Amino acid sequence: MRKTDKKLENQIRVTLTELCDELLDLELGFAWLTHLVDYDRFPHSLKIVCVFDSTQAQQDFAQSPHCAQLQSALQARLKSLNISLKDISKHLFLDNEEACERTHQGRWADRLRQH
C-alpha cells in the first residue's frame, strides 16, 4: 500500500467510524460496518457493508427513510474526502448477523468476499 493510500484509508476509516456511531445511536438494529477496497481500482472498488443484528432489522432499515438518508450522508462525507462515486447504491451493501451465521457459520471474512 502506497503512503497516499494509507492516508486515504485512514480518512475513510475515521469518516466511517463517525457514521457508524451515528447509526448506532438510532437504535435500528444496526450492529457495525466495514469497508473493502482495492486501491489499484479505487474508487470503483470501494464497498461499504452495513451489518444489522437480524434479517428483520436489515429489511426494516432498507424500506425506511433512514436508508436514503444513509446514502446521502455517505455520499456527502466521501465527497468531502474528494471521493466521487456516481451511484452510491452500487457501493453500499446491507447484511446481517443471522444470514452470516446461517450461510457462513459466522465467518465474516468468508462472507465479505461475496460482496
PDB file of N, CA and C in Angstrom:
ATOM      1  N   MET A   1       0.849  -1.174   0.000  1.00  0.00           N
ATOM      2  CA  MET A   1       0.000   0.000   0.000  1.00  0.00           C
ATOM      3  C   MET A   1       0.898   1.242   0.000  1.00  0.00           C
ATOM      4  N   ARG A   2       0.622   2.143  -0.913  1.00  0.00           N
ATOM      5  CA  ARG A   2       1.387   3.389  -1.003  1.00  0.00           C
ATOM      6  C   ARG A   2       1.053   4.311   0.172  1.00  0.00           C
ATOM      7  N   LYS A   3       1.935   5.251   0.414  1.00  0.00           N
ATOM      8  CA  LYS A   3       1.737   6.200   1.511  1.00  0.00           C
ATOM      9  C   LYS A   3       0.436   6.985   1.327  1.00  0.00           C
ATOM     10  N   THR A   4       0.140   7.382   0.097  1.00  0.00           N
ATOM     11  CA  THR A   4      -1.103   8.120  -0.161  1.00  0.00           C
ATOM     12  C   THR A   4      -2.323   7.238   0.084  1.00  0.00           C
ATOM     13  N   ASP A   5      -2.199   5.939  -0.225  1.00  0.00           N
ATOM     14  CA  ASP A   5      -3.295   5.001   0.033  1.00  0.00           C
ATOM     15  C   ASP A   5      -3.535   4.865   1.533  1.00  0.00           C
ATOM     16  N   LYS A   6      -2.465   4.795   2.303  1.00  0.00           N
ATOM     17  CA  LYS A   6      -2.598   4.677   3.757  1.00  0.00           C
ATOM     18  C   LYS A   6      -3.281   5.908   4.350  1.00  0.00           C
ATOM     19  N   LYS A   7      -2.922   7.079   3.833  1.00  0.00           N
ATOM     20  CA  LYS A   7      -3.539   8.310   4.317  1.00  0.00           C
ATOM     21  C   LYS A   7      -5.030   8.324   3.994  1.00  0.00           C
ATOM     22  N   LEU A   8      -5.371   7.956   2.775  1.00  0.00           N
ATOM     23  CA  LEU A   8      -6.775   7.911   2.369  1.00  0.00           C
ATOM     24  C   LEU A   8      -7.534   6.851   3.162  1.00  0.00           C
ATOM     25  N   GLU A   9      -6.918   5.705   3.376  1.00  0.00           N
ATOM     26  CA  GLU A   9      -7.536   4.633   4.165  1.00  0.00           C
ATOM     27  C   GLU A   9      -7.886   5.141   5.561  1.00  0.00           C
ATOM     28  N   ASN A  10      -6.976   5.872   6.167  1.00  0.00           N
ATOM     29  CA  ASN A  10      -7.232   6.413   7.499  1.00  0.00           C
ATOM     30  C   ASN A  10      -8.380   7.417   7.479  1.00  0.00           C
ATOM     31  N   GLN A  11      -8.432   8.268   6.463  1.00  0.00           N
ATOM     32  CA  GLN A  11      -9.522   9.242   6.351  1.00  0.00           C
ATOM     33  C   GLN A  11     -10.869   8.538   6.182  1.00  0.00           C
ATOM     34  N   ILE A  12     -10.899   7.502   5.363  1.00  0.00           N
ATOM     35  CA  ILE A  12     -12.135   6.735   5.158  1.00  0.00           C
ATOM     36  C   ILE A  12     -12.549   6.076   6.470  1.00  0.00           C
ATOM     37  N   ARG A  13     -11.585   5.480   7.154  1.00  0.00           N
ATOM     38  CA  ARG A  13     -11.872   4.795   8.414  1.00  0.00           C
ATOM     39  C   ARG A  13     -12.455   5.753   9.445  1.00  0.00           C
ATOM     40  N   VAL A  14     -11.869   6.929   9.585  1.00  0.00           N
ATOM     41  CA  VAL A  14     -12.363   7.923  10.547  1.00  0.00           C
ATOM     42  C   VAL A  14     -13.786   8.350  10.183  1.00  0.00           C
ATOM     43  N   THR A  15     -14.013   8.624   8.915  1.00  0.00           N
ATOM     44  CA  THR A  15     -15.338   9.046   8.447  1.00  0.00           C
ATOM     45  C   THR A  15     -16.380   7.964   8.695  1.00  0.00           C
ATOM     46  N   LEU A  16     -16.041   6.720   8.384  1.00  0.00           N
ATOM     47  CA  LEU A  16     -16.996   5.628   8.574  1.00  0.00           C
ATOM     48  C   LEU A  16     -17.223   5.326  10.051  1.00  0.00           C
ATOM     49  N   THR A  17     -16.222   5.533  10.878  1.00  0.00           N
ATOM     50  CA  THR A  17     -16.395   5.340  12.321  1.00  0.00           C
ATOM     51  C   THR A  17     -17.403   6.345  12.872  1.00  0.00           C
ATOM     52  N   GLU A  18     -17.310   7.587  12.426  1.00  0.00           N
ATOM     53  CA  GLU A  18     -18.281   8.606  12.848  1.00  0.00           C
ATOM     54  C   GLU A  18     -19.690   8.224  12.404  1.00  0.00           C
ATOM     55  N   LEU A  19     -19.810   7.778  11.165  1.00  0.00           N
ATOM     56  CA  LEU A  19     -21.112   7.368  10.637  1.00  0.00           C
ATOM     57  C   LEU A  19     -21.651   6.162  11.405  1.00  0.00           C
ATOM     58  N   CYS A  20     -20.791   5.231  11.728  1.00  0.00           N
ATOM     59  CA  CYS A  20     -21.181   4.046  12.497  1.00  0.00           C
ATOM     60  C   CYS A  20     -21.759   4.461  13.851  1.00  0.00           C
ATOM     61  N   ASP A  21     -21.089   5.371  14.532  1.00  0.00           N
ATOM     62  CA  ASP A  21     -21.575   5.837  15.835  1.00  0.00           C
ATOM     63  C   ASP A  21     -22.957   6.473  15.715  1.00  0.00           C
ATOM     64  N   GLU A  22     -23.167   7.232  14.649  1.00  0.00           N
ATOM     65  CA  GLU A  22     -24.472   7.866  14.435  1.00  0.00           C
ATOM     66  C   GLU A  22     -25.556   6.821  14.178  1.00  0.00           C
ATOM     67  N   LEU A  23     -25.233   5.797  13.411  1.00  0.00           N
ATOM     68  CA  LEU A  23     -26.210   4.736  13.141  1.00  0.00           C
ATOM     69  C   LEU A  23     -26.535   3.955  14.408  1.00  0.00           C
ATOM     70  N   LEU A  24     -25.539   3.705  15.234  1.00  0.00           N
ATOM     71  CA  LEU A  24     -25.784   3.001  16.497  1.00  0.00           C
ATOM     72  C   LEU A  24     -26.727   3.796  17.396  1.00  0.00           C
ATOM     73  N   ASP A  25     -26.602   5.105  17.384  1.00  0.00           N
ATOM     74  CA  ASP A  25     -27.460   5.962  18.212  1.00  0.00           C
ATOM     75  C   ASP A  25     -28.930   5.896  17.803  1.00  0.00           C
ATOM     76  N   LEU A  26     -29.205   5.533  16.552  1.00  0.00           N
ATOM     77  CA  LEU A  26     -30.589   5.463  16.071  1.00  0.00           C
ATOM     78  C   LEU A  26     -31.346   4.250  16.614  1.00  0.00           C
ATOM     79  N   GLU A  27     -30.631   3.258  17.126  1.00  0.00           N
ATOM     80  CA  GLU A  27     -31.223   2.044  17.692  1.00  0.00           C
ATOM     81  C   GLU A  27     -32.195   1.368  16.724  1.00  0.00           C
ATOM     82  N   LEU A  28     -31.690   1.094  15.523  1.00  0.00           N
ATOM     83  CA  LEU A  28     -32.496   0.457  14.478  1.00  0.00           C
ATOM     84  C   LEU A  28     -32.091  -0.991  14.226  1.00  0.00           C
ATOM     85  N   GLY A  29     -31.305  -1.548  15.111  1.00  0.00           N
ATOM     86  CA  GLY A  29     -30.817  -2.902  14.894  1.00  0.00           C
ATOM     87  C   GLY A  29     -29.513  -2.935  14.125  1.00  0.00           C
ATOM     88  N   PHE A  30     -28.943  -1.768  13.881  1.00  0.00           N
ATOM     89  CA  PHE A  30     -27.640  -1.680  13.231  1.00  0.00           C
ATOM     90  C   PHE A  30     -26.587  -2.165  14.212  1.00  0.00           C
ATOM     91  N   ALA A  31     -25.624  -2.972  13.727  1.00  0.00           N
ATOM     92  CA  ALA A  31     -24.600  -3.527  14.606  1.00  0.00           C
ATOM     93  C   ALA A  31     -23.213  -2.929  14.345  1.00  0.00           C
ATOM     94  N   TRP A  32     -22.780  -2.932  13.099  1.00  0.00           N
ATOM     95  CA  TRP A  32     -21.449  -2.435  12.760  1.00  0.00           C
ATOM     96  C   TRP A  32     -21.335  -2.258  11.255  1.00  0.00           C
ATOM     97  N   LEU A  33     -20.233  -1.634  10.830  1.00  0.00           N
ATOM     98  CA  LEU A  33     -19.978  -1.522   9.401  1.00  0.00           C
ATOM     99  C   LEU A  33     -18.498  -1.722   9.134  1.00  0.00           C
ATOM    100  N   THR A  34     -18.208  -2.018   7.892  1.00  0.00           N
ATOM    101  CA  THR A  34     -16.827  -2.183   7.454  1.00  0.00           C
ATOM    102  C   THR A  34     -16.734  -1.738   6.007  1.00  0.00           C
ATOM    103  N   HIS A  35     -15.529  -1.648   5.527  1.00  0.00           N
ATOM    104  CA  HIS A  35     -15.348  -1.325   4.118  1.00  0.00           C
ATOM    105  C   HIS A  35     -14.253  -2.200   3.530  1.00  0.00           C
ATOM    106  N   LEU A  36     -14.360  -2.387   2.241  1.00  0.00           N
ATOM    107  CA  LEU A  36     -13.398  -3.170   1.474  1.00  0.00           C
ATOM    108  C   LEU A  36     -12.953  -2.300   0.313  1.00  0.00           C
ATOM    109  N   VAL A  37     -11.683  -2.370  -0.023  1.00  0.00           N
ATOM    110  CA  VAL A  37     -11.203  -1.553  -1.140  1.00  0.00           C
ATOM    111  C   VAL A  37      -9.925  -2.146  -1.722  1.00  0.00           C
ATOM    112  N   ASP A  38      -9.818  -2.054  -3.023  1.00  0.00           N
ATOM    113  CA  ASP A  38      -8.593  -2.383  -3.746  1.00  0.00           C
ATOM    114  C   ASP A  38      -8.100  -1.053  -4.306  1.00  0.00           C
ATOM    115  N   TYR A  39      -7.036  -0.503  -3.730  1.00  0.00           N
ATOM    116  CA  TYR A  39      -6.597   0.835  -4.123  1.00  0.00           C
ATOM    117  C   TYR A  39      -6.058   0.895  -5.548  1.00  0.00           C
ATOM    118  N   ASP A  40      -5.772  -0.231  -6.146  1.00  0.00           N
ATOM    119  CA  ASP A  40      -5.386  -0.237  -7.559  1.00  0.00           C
ATOM    120  C   ASP A  40      -6.585   0.047  -8.453  1.00  0.00           C
ATOM    121  N   ARG A  41      -7.789  -0.135  -7.920  1.00  0.00           N
ATOM    122  CA  ARG A  41      -9.018   0.111  -8.695  1.00  0.00           C
ATOM    123  C   ARG A  41      -9.930   1.125  -7.991  1.00  0.00           C
ATOM    124  N   PHE A  42      -9.339   1.971  -7.191  1.00  0.00           N
ATOM    125  CA  PHE A  42     -10.090   2.951  -6.410  1.00  0.00           C
ATOM    126  C   PHE A  42     -10.507   4.117  -7.296  1.00  0.00           C
ATOM    127  N   PRO A  43     -11.694   4.673  -7.147  1.00  0.00           N
ATOM    128  CA  PRO A  43     -12.716   4.452  -6.126  1.00  0.00           C
ATOM    129  C   PRO A  43     -13.754   3.396  -6.504  1.00  0.00           C
ATOM    130  N   HIS A  44     -13.643   2.866  -7.726  1.00  0.00           N
ATOM    131  CA  HIS A  44     -14.659   1.911  -8.193  1.00  0.00           C
ATOM    132  C   HIS A  44     -14.749   0.660  -7.320  1.00  0.00           C
ATOM    133  N   SER A  45     -13.652   0.300  -6.667  1.00  0.00           N
ATOM    134  CA  SER A  45     -13.633  -0.920  -5.864  1.00  0.00           C
ATOM    135  C   SER A  45     -14.159  -0.726  -4.442  1.00  0.00           C
ATOM    136  N   LEU A  46     -14.425   0.501  -4.039  1.00  0.00           N
ATOM    137  CA  LEU A  46     -14.862   0.761  -2.663  1.00  0.00           C
ATOM    138  C   LEU A  46     -16.229   0.134  -2.393  1.00  0.00           C
ATOM    139  N   LYS A  47     -16.282  -0.666  -1.327  1.00  0.00           N
ATOM    140  CA  LYS A  47     -17.535  -1.282  -0.886  1.00  0.00           C
ATOM    141  C   LYS A  47     -17.687  -1.011   0.601  1.00  0.00           C
ATOM    142  N   ILE A  48     -18.866  -0.574   0.981  1.00  0.00           N
ATOM    143  CA  ILE A  48     -19.176  -0.321   2.383  1.00  0.00           C
ATOM    144  C   ILE A  48     -20.306  -1.262   2.765  1.00  0.00           C
ATOM    145  N   VAL A  49     -20.084  -2.041   3.811  1.00  0.00           N
ATOM    146  CA  VAL A  49     -21.060  -3.034   4.243  1.00  0.00           C
ATOM    147  C   VAL A  49     -21.573  -2.646   5.627  1.00  0.00           C
ATOM    148  N   CYS A  50     -22.888  -2.419   5.713  1.00  0.00           N
ATOM    149  CA  CYS A  50     -23.549  -2.126   6.989  1.00  0.00           C
ATOM    150  C   CYS A  50     -24.214  -3.410   7.473  1.00  0.00           C
ATOM    151  N   VAL A  51     -23.878  -3.809   8.675  1.00  0.00           N
ATOM    152  CA  VAL A  51     -24.361  -5.078   9.218  1.00  0.00           C
ATOM    153  C   VAL A  51     -25.382  -4.808  10.319  1.00  0.00           C
ATOM    154  N   PHE A  52     -26.497  -5.513  10.226  1.00  0.00           N
ATOM    155  CA  PHE A  52     -27.576  -5.410  11.204  1.00  0.00           C
ATOM    156  C   PHE A  52     -27.612  -6.690  12.022  1.00  0.00           C
ATOM    157  N   ASP A  53     -28.269  -6.623  13.181  1.00  0.00           N
ATOM    158  CA  ASP A  53     -28.282  -7.797  14.050  1.00  0.00           C
ATOM    159  C   ASP A  53     -29.231  -8.888  13.576  1.00  0.00           C
ATOM    160  N   SER A  54     -30.196  -8.542  12.728  1.00  0.00           N
ATOM    161  CA  SER A  54     -31.147  -9.549  12.261  1.00  0.00           C
ATOM    162  C   SER A  54     -31.592  -9.248  10.835  1.00  0.00           C
ATOM    163  N   THR A  55     -32.137 -10.259  10.200  1.00  0.00           N
ATOM    164  CA  THR A  55     -32.691 -10.097   8.857  1.00  0.00           C
ATOM    165  C   THR A  55     -33.821  -9.081   8.886  1.00  0.00           C
ATOM    166  N   GLN A  56     -34.661  -9.150   9.913  1.00  0.00           N
ATOM    167  CA  GLN A  56     -35.786  -8.224  10.028  1.00  0.00           C
ATOM    168  C   GLN A  56     -35.309  -6.783  10.158  1.00  0.00           C
ATOM    169  N   ALA A  57     -34.297  -6.557  10.986  1.00  0.00           N
ATOM    170  CA  ALA A  57     -33.771  -5.196  11.155  1.00  0.00           C
ATOM    171  C   ALA A  57     -33.203  -4.673   9.837  1.00  0.00           C
ATOM    172  N   GLN A  58     -32.526  -5.543   9.099  1.00  0.00           N
ATOM    173  CA  GLN A  58     -31.983  -5.146   7.795  1.00  0.00           C
ATOM    174  C   GLN A  58     -33.104  -4.776   6.828  1.00  0.00           C
ATOM    175  N   GLN A  59     -34.131  -5.606   6.767  1.00  0.00           N
ATOM    176  CA  GLN A  59     -35.255  -5.343   5.863  1.00  0.00           C
ATOM    177  C   GLN A  59     -35.994  -4.066   6.255  1.00  0.00           C
ATOM    178  N   ASP A  60     -36.209  -3.881   7.548  1.00  0.00           N
ATOM    179  CA  ASP A  60     -36.890  -2.669   8.017  1.00  0.00           C
ATOM    180  C   ASP A  60     -36.088  -1.424   7.649  1.00  0.00           C
ATOM    181  N   PHE A  61     -34.780  -1.484   7.838  1.00  0.00           N
ATOM    182  CA  PHE A  61     -33.928  -0.345   7.508  1.00  0.00           C
ATOM    183  C   PHE A  61     -33.962  -0.062   6.009  1.00  0.00           C
ATOM    184  N   ALA A  62     -33.872  -1.097   5.200  1.00  0.00           N
ATOM    185  CA  ALA A  62     -33.851  -0.934   3.740  1.00  0.00           C
ATOM    186  C   ALA A  62     -35.118  -0.265   3.226  1.00  0.00           C
ATOM    187  N   GLN A  63     -36.236  -0.474   3.924  1.00  0.00           N
ATOM    188  CA  GLN A  63     -37.515   0.080   3.490  1.00  0.00           C
ATOM    189  C   GLN A  63     -37.851   1.405   4.183  1.00  0.00           C
ATOM    190  N   SER A  64     -36.957   1.873   5.025  1.00  0.00           N
ATOM    191  CA  SER A  64     -37.223   3.103   5.780  1.00  0.00           C
ATOM    192  C   SER A  64     -36.530   4.300   5.125  1.00  0.00           C
ATOM    193  N   PRO A  65     -36.954   5.491   5.504  1.00  0.00           N
ATOM    194  CA  PRO A  65     -36.267   6.702   5.013  1.00  0.00           C
ATOM    195  C   PRO A  65     -34.805   6.773   5.464  1.00  0.00           C
ATOM    196  N   HIS A  66     -34.462   6.037   6.521  1.00  0.00           N
ATOM    197  CA  HIS A  66     -33.087   6.048   7.020  1.00  0.00           C
ATOM    198  C   HIS A  66     -32.100   5.543   5.972  1.00  0.00           C
ATOM    199  N   CYS A  67     -32.531   4.635   5.122  1.00  0.00           N
ATOM    200  CA  CYS A  67     -31.633   4.078   4.110  1.00  0.00           C
ATOM    201  C   CYS A  67     -31.220   5.161   3.111  1.00  0.00           C
ATOM    202  N   ALA A  68     -32.173   5.909   2.610  1.00  0.00           N
ATOM    203  CA  ALA A  68     -31.861   7.007   1.676  1.00  0.00           C
ATOM    204  C   ALA A  68     -31.030   8.081   2.374  1.00  0.00           C
ATOM    205  N   GLN A  69     -31.317   8.329   3.641  1.00  0.00           N
ATOM    206  CA  GLN A  69     -30.543   9.312   4.403  1.00  0.00           C
ATOM    207  C   GLN A  69     -29.099   8.846   4.566  1.00  0.00           C
ATOM    208  N   LEU A  70     -28.920   7.552   4.800  1.00  0.00           N
ATOM    209  CA  LEU A  70     -27.576   6.993   4.912  1.00  0.00           C
ATOM    210  C   LEU A  70     -26.822   7.170   3.599  1.00  0.00           C
ATOM    211  N   GLN A  71     -27.475   6.874   2.493  1.00  0.00           N
ATOM    212  CA  GLN A  71     -26.821   7.022   1.193  1.00  0.00           C
ATOM    213  C   GLN A  71     -26.395   8.468   0.961  1.00  0.00           C
ATOM    214  N   SER A  72     -27.269   9.412   1.271  1.00  0.00           N
ATOM    215  CA  SER A  72     -26.944  10.834   1.100  1.00  0.00           C
ATOM    216  C   SER A  72     -25.791  11.257   2.005  1.00  0.00           C
ATOM    217  N   ALA A  73     -25.849  10.835   3.256  1.00  0.00           N
ATOM    218  CA  ALA A  73     -24.795  11.191   4.209  1.00  0.00           C
ATOM    219  C   ALA A  73     -23.458  10.592   3.788  1.00  0.00           C
ATOM    220  N   LEU A  74     -23.498   9.359   3.351  1.00  0.00           N
ATOM    221  CA  LEU A  74     -22.283   8.684   2.911  1.00  0.00           C
ATOM    222  C   LEU A  74     -21.689   9.376   1.688  1.00  0.00           C
ATOM    223  N   GLN A  75     -22.538   9.698   0.737  1.00  0.00           N
ATOM    224  CA  GLN A  75     -22.093  10.388  -0.479  1.00  0.00           C
ATOM    225  C   GLN A  75     -21.431  11.726  -0.113  1.00  0.00           C
ATOM    226  N   ALA A  76     -22.059  12.491   0.765  1.00  0.00           N
ATOM    227  CA  ALA A  76     -21.529  13.798   1.159  1.00  0.00           C
ATOM    228  C   ALA A  76     -20.198  13.666   1.897  1.00  0.00           C
ATOM    229  N   ARG A  77     -20.109  12.702   2.778  1.00  0.00           N
ATOM    230  CA  ARG A  77     -18.876  12.538   3.554  1.00  0.00           C
ATOM    231  C   ARG A  77     -17.725  12.076   2.675  1.00  0.00           C
ATOM    232  N   LEU A  78     -18.017  11.187   1.745  1.00  0.00           N
ATOM    233  CA  LEU A  78     -16.963  10.752   0.830  1.00  0.00           C
ATOM    234  C   LEU A  78     -16.548  11.900  -0.088  1.00  0.00           C
ATOM    235  N   LYS A  79     -17.514  12.684  -0.509  1.00  0.00           N
ATOM    236  CA  LYS A  79     -17.203  13.840  -1.358  1.00  0.00           C
ATOM    237  C   LYS A  79     -16.293  14.819  -0.618  1.00  0.00           C
ATOM    238  N   SER A  80     -16.498  14.970   0.693  1.00  0.00           N
ATOM    239  CA  SER A  80     -15.640  15.863   1.482  1.00  0.00           C
ATOM    240  C   SER A  80     -14.197  15.355   1.533  1.00  0.00           C
ATOM    241  N   LEU A  81     -14.006  14.072   1.233  1.00  0.00           N
ATOM    242  CA  LEU A  81     -12.667  13.483   1.146  1.00  0.00           C
ATOM    243  C   LEU A  81     -12.167  13.458  -0.298  1.00  0.00           C
ATOM    244  N   ASN A  82     -12.904  14.135  -1.182  1.00  0.00           N
ATOM    245  CA  ASN A  82     -12.603  14.150  -2.621  1.00  0.00           C
ATOM    246  C   ASN A  82     -12.733  12.770  -3.257  1.00  0.00           C
ATOM    247  N   ILE A  83     -13.693  11.997  -2.760  1.00  0.00           N
ATOM    248  CA  ILE A  83     -14.012  10.692  -3.336  1.00  0.00           C
ATOM    249  C   ILE A  83     -15.370  10.820  -4.004  1.00  0.00           C
ATOM    250  N   SER A  84     -15.381  10.723  -5.316  1.00  0.00           N
ATOM    251  CA  SER A  84     -16.630  10.862  -6.072  1.00  0.00           C
ATOM    252  C   SER A  84     -17.099   9.502  -6.566  1.00  0.00           C
ATOM    253  N   LEU A  85     -18.322   9.171  -6.202  1.00  0.00           N
ATOM    254  CA  LEU A  85     -18.955   7.935  -6.657  1.00  0.00           C
ATOM    255  C   LEU A  85     -20.231   8.315  -7.389  1.00  0.00           C
ATOM    256  N   LYS A  86     -20.385   7.824  -8.602  1.00  0.00           N
ATOM    257  CA  LYS A  86     -21.555   8.189  -9.404  1.00  0.00           C
ATOM    258  C   LYS A  86     -22.850   7.693  -8.781  1.00  0.00           C
ATOM    259  N   ASP A  87     -22.851   6.458  -8.321  1.00  0.00           N
ATOM    260  CA  ASP A  87     -24.063   5.854  -7.760  1.00  0.00           C
ATOM    261  C   ASP A  87     -23.698   5.149  -6.460  1.00  0.00           C
ATOM    262  N   ILE A  88     -23.933   5.823  -5.348  1.00  0.00           N
ATOM    263  CA  ILE A  88     -23.547   5.297  -4.042  1.00  0.00           C
ATOM    264  C   ILE A  88     -24.190   3.944  -3.757  1.00  0.00           C
ATOM    265  N   SER A  89     -25.365   3.700  -4.318  1.00  0.00           N
ATOM    266  CA  SER A  89     -26.055   2.432  -4.047  1.00  0.00           C
ATOM    267  C   SER A  89     -25.275   1.228  -4.581  1.00  0.00           C
ATOM    268  N   LYS A  90     -24.381   1.445  -5.535  1.00  0.00           N
ATOM    269  CA  LYS A  90     -23.557   0.347  -6.055  1.00  0.00           C
ATOM    270  C   LYS A  90     -22.367   0.054  -5.150  1.00  0.00           C
ATOM    271  N   HIS A  91     -22.155   0.896  -4.149  1.00  0.00           N
ATOM    272  CA  HIS A  91     -21.021   0.744  -3.241  1.00  0.00           C
ATOM    273  C   HIS A  91     -21.456   0.437  -1.810  1.00  0.00           C
ATOM    274  N   LEU A  92     -22.746   0.509  -1.551  1.00  0.00           N
ATOM    275  CA  LEU A  92     -23.278   0.297  -0.206  1.00  0.00           C
ATOM    276  C   LEU A  92     -24.067  -1.006  -0.168  1.00  0.00           C
ATOM    277  N   PHE A  93     -23.698  -1.863   0.765  1.00  0.00           N
ATOM    278  CA  PHE A  93     -24.346  -3.165   0.903  1.00  0.00           C
ATOM    279  C   PHE A  93     -24.873  -3.315   2.326  1.00  0.00           C
ATOM    280  N   LEU A  94     -26.048  -3.905   2.438  1.00  0.00           N
ATOM    281  CA  LEU A  94     -26.636  -4.203   3.742  1.00  0.00           C
ATOM    282  C   LEU A  94     -26.549  -5.701   3.966  1.00  0.00           C
ATOM    283  N   ASP A  95     -26.245  -6.089   5.182  1.00  0.00           N
ATOM    284  CA  ASP A  95     -26.130  -7.504   5.519  1.00  0.00           C
ATOM    285  C   ASP A  95     -26.563  -7.664   6.969  1.00  0.00           C
ATOM    286  N   ASN A  96     -26.552  -8.907   7.463  1.00  0.00           N
ATOM    287  CA  ASN A  96     -26.955  -9.114   8.850  1.00  0.00           C
ATOM    288  C   ASN A  96     -26.289 -10.331   9.462  1.00  0.00           C
ATOM    289  N   GLU A  97     -26.215 -10.306  10.777  1.00  0.00           N
ATOM    290  CA  GLU A  97     -25.557 -11.362  11.548  1.00  0.00           C
ATOM    291  C   GLU A  97     -26.225 -12.723  11.352  1.00  0.00           C
ATOM    292  N   GLU A  98     -27.552 -12.744  11.310  1.00  0.00           N
ATOM    293  CA  GLU A  98     -28.267 -14.018  11.149  1.00  0.00           C
ATOM    294  C   GLU A  98     -27.889 -14.699   9.841  1.00  0.00           C
ATOM    295  N   ALA A  99     -27.837 -13.932   8.761  1.00  0.00           N
ATOM    296  CA  ALA A  99     -27.512 -14.507   7.454  1.00  0.00           C
ATOM    297  C   ALA A  99     -26.085 -15.046   7.433  1.00  0.00           C
ATOM    298  N   CYS A 100     -25.166 -14.328   8.056  1.00  0.00           N
ATOM    299  CA  CYS A 100     -23.783 -14.802   8.105  1.00  0.00           C
ATOM    300  C   CYS A 100     -23.691 -16.099   8.903  1.00  0.00           C
ATOM    301  N   GLU A 101     -24.381 -16.148  10.009  1.00  0.00           N
ATOM    302  CA  GLU A 101     -24.368 -17.361  10.830  1.00  0.00           C
ATOM    303  C   GLU A 101     -24.956 -18.542  10.056  1.00  0.00           C
ATOM    304  N   ARG A 102     -26.036 -18.291   9.336  1.00  0.00           N
ATOM    305  CA  ARG A 102     -26.733 -19.337   8.594  1.00  0.00           C
ATOM    306  C   ARG A 102     -25.901 -19.858   7.414  1.00  0.00           C
ATOM    307  N   THR A 103     -25.278 -18.963   6.670  1.00  0.00           N
ATOM    308  CA  THR A 103     -24.606 -19.388   5.439  1.00  0.00           C
ATOM    309  C   THR A 103     -23.093 -19.532   5.548  1.00  0.00           C
ATOM    310  N   HIS A 104     -22.476 -18.869   6.519  1.00  0.00           N
ATOM    311  CA  HIS A 104     -21.019 -18.912   6.641  1.00  0.00           C
ATOM    312  C   HIS A 104     -20.557 -19.256   8.058  1.00  0.00           C
ATOM    313  N   GLN A 105     -21.469 -19.774   8.874  1.00  0.00           N
ATOM    314  CA  GLN A 105     -21.166 -20.173  10.247  1.00  0.00           C
ATOM    315  C   GLN A 105     -20.478 -19.049  11.031  1.00  0.00           C
ATOM    316  N   GLY A 106     -20.898 -17.808  10.749  1.00  0.00           N
ATOM    317  CA  GLY A 106     -20.379 -16.656  11.473  1.00  0.00           C
ATOM    318  C   GLY A 106     -19.015 -16.162  11.016  1.00  0.00           C
ATOM    319  N   ARG A 107     -18.498 -16.734   9.947  1.00  0.00           N
ATOM    320  CA  ARG A 107     -17.173 -16.333   9.449  1.00  0.00           C
ATOM    321  C   ARG A 107     -17.326 -15.145   8.487  1.00  0.00           C
ATOM    322  N   TRP A 108     -17.199 -13.951   9.039  1.00  0.00           N
ATOM    323  CA  TRP A 108     -17.411 -12.739   8.251  1.00  0.00           C
ATOM    324  C   TRP A 108     -16.377 -12.567   7.153  1.00  0.00           C
ATOM    325  N   ALA A 109     -15.153 -12.986   7.384  1.00  0.00           N
ATOM    326  CA  ALA A 109     -14.126 -12.845   6.337  1.00  0.00           C
ATOM    327  C   ALA A 109     -14.561 -13.580   5.076  1.00  0.00           C
ATOM    328  N   ASP A 110     -15.126 -14.771   5.247  1.00  0.00           N
ATOM    329  CA  ASP A 110     -15.619 -15.532   4.093  1.00  0.00           C
ATOM    330  C   ASP A 110     -16.819 -14.838   3.461  1.00  0.00           C
ATOM    331  N   ARG A 111     -17.726 -14.373   4.288  1.00  0.00           N
ATOM    332  CA  ARG A 111     -18.945 -13.751   3.770  1.00  0.00           C
ATOM    333  C   ARG A 111     -18.653 -12.445   3.027  1.00  0.00           C
ATOM    334  N   LEU A 112     -17.742 -11.657   3.545  1.00  0.00           N
ATOM    335  CA  LEU A 112     -17.454 -10.366   2.923  1.00  0.00           C
ATOM    336  C   LEU A 112     -16.852 -10.514   1.530  1.00  0.00           C
ATOM    337  N   ARG A 113     -16.234 -11.635   1.261  1.00  0.00           N
ATOM    338  CA  ARG A 113     -15.682 -11.867  -0.081  1.00  0.00           C
ATOM    339  C   ARG A 113     -16.767 -11.886  -1.144  1.00  0.00           C
ATOM    340  N   GLN A 114     -18.009 -12.179  -0.766  1.00  0.00           N
ATOM    341  CA  GLN A 114     -19.098 -12.256  -1.749  1.00  0.00           C
ATOM    342  C   GLN A 114     -19.629 -10.881  -2.133  1.00  0.00           C
ATOM    343  N   HIS A 115     -19.336  -9.863  -1.360  1.00  0.00           N
ATOM    344  CA  HIS A 115     -19.851  -8.514  -1.643  1.00  0.00           C
ATOM    345  C   HIS A 115     -19.085  -7.859  -2.745  1.00  0.00           C
TER     346      HIS A 115
END
